[in-house]
């Protein structure tokens, strides 16, 4: 992650220019809050994402993250003007990281479930957010569009992200033809995991987070870490690696509590340790 545990310890004292960050009951909710610019991603906003995601990664009391957005557009992609060095003045207090921010790695390295709460259209680079999430809960009002080729560009990074969750031919067709997918079509393609009515979005997010929280946070964290590592190690190395992670999991306090609770026929009390 781009920020250390020590750097993120002061999250509650930080000023976010383009995000709302709320922590409640083991859940960190990150809300894109630049509706006047269609939640387009500027360098400052990306830096703020990286800081909030680093906080969630480093602190064991955070068990999951929800990504939401304010406004009529969930995310319009990159703010091209700001990316060219013409970013508007803002009051963000988030420091510059010492290493370059790679959006995809924020999601693969966090090792916590990340849920996208999508109520409105998503365009272009906004797919880097939803494509990296563990779950995408969308309403019927959400649409998904990659318009880059209509501007003489190509969604290279988005393509790489989508190839992890959608069939390759479907991904390249989506990139080439710049068509818009409805939420139902996105669910069929594997991009959306849960499709709900507009008035049921909050309830769906609550139900999903509570279902996740009923299970061991440490086991989920180690499982997501293994899921990430499996992409980069050879098949011959996988079983030895997984046996090592299993041994590590058995030693956690959550594993001891889970086994004890099962024997005593009671609900486990997780700590995430």
Foldseek 3Di string as FASTA:
>chain_A
DQDALVLLPCVVVWDQFFWDWDDDQLEIEIEGRDQVVLSADAPSNLLVLLSSLNNLLHDLSRAEYEYAYDYQHGYAYHPVCRVVVNDDDTDGPRDDTPDDDDLLCSLLRSLHAYEYQEEHEDEQNSLSVLLSGPAYEYEQRYKYWYCQVVVVGFRVVSLVSCVVFFPNVVSVVRGVVRDMGGPVRCVVRRSHVHYDHNVCRVVVVVVVVVVSVLDASQVSSLVSNLVSVVVPDDPVCNVVVVVVSVVVVCPDPQVVQVVVCVVVVHRGDYDSD
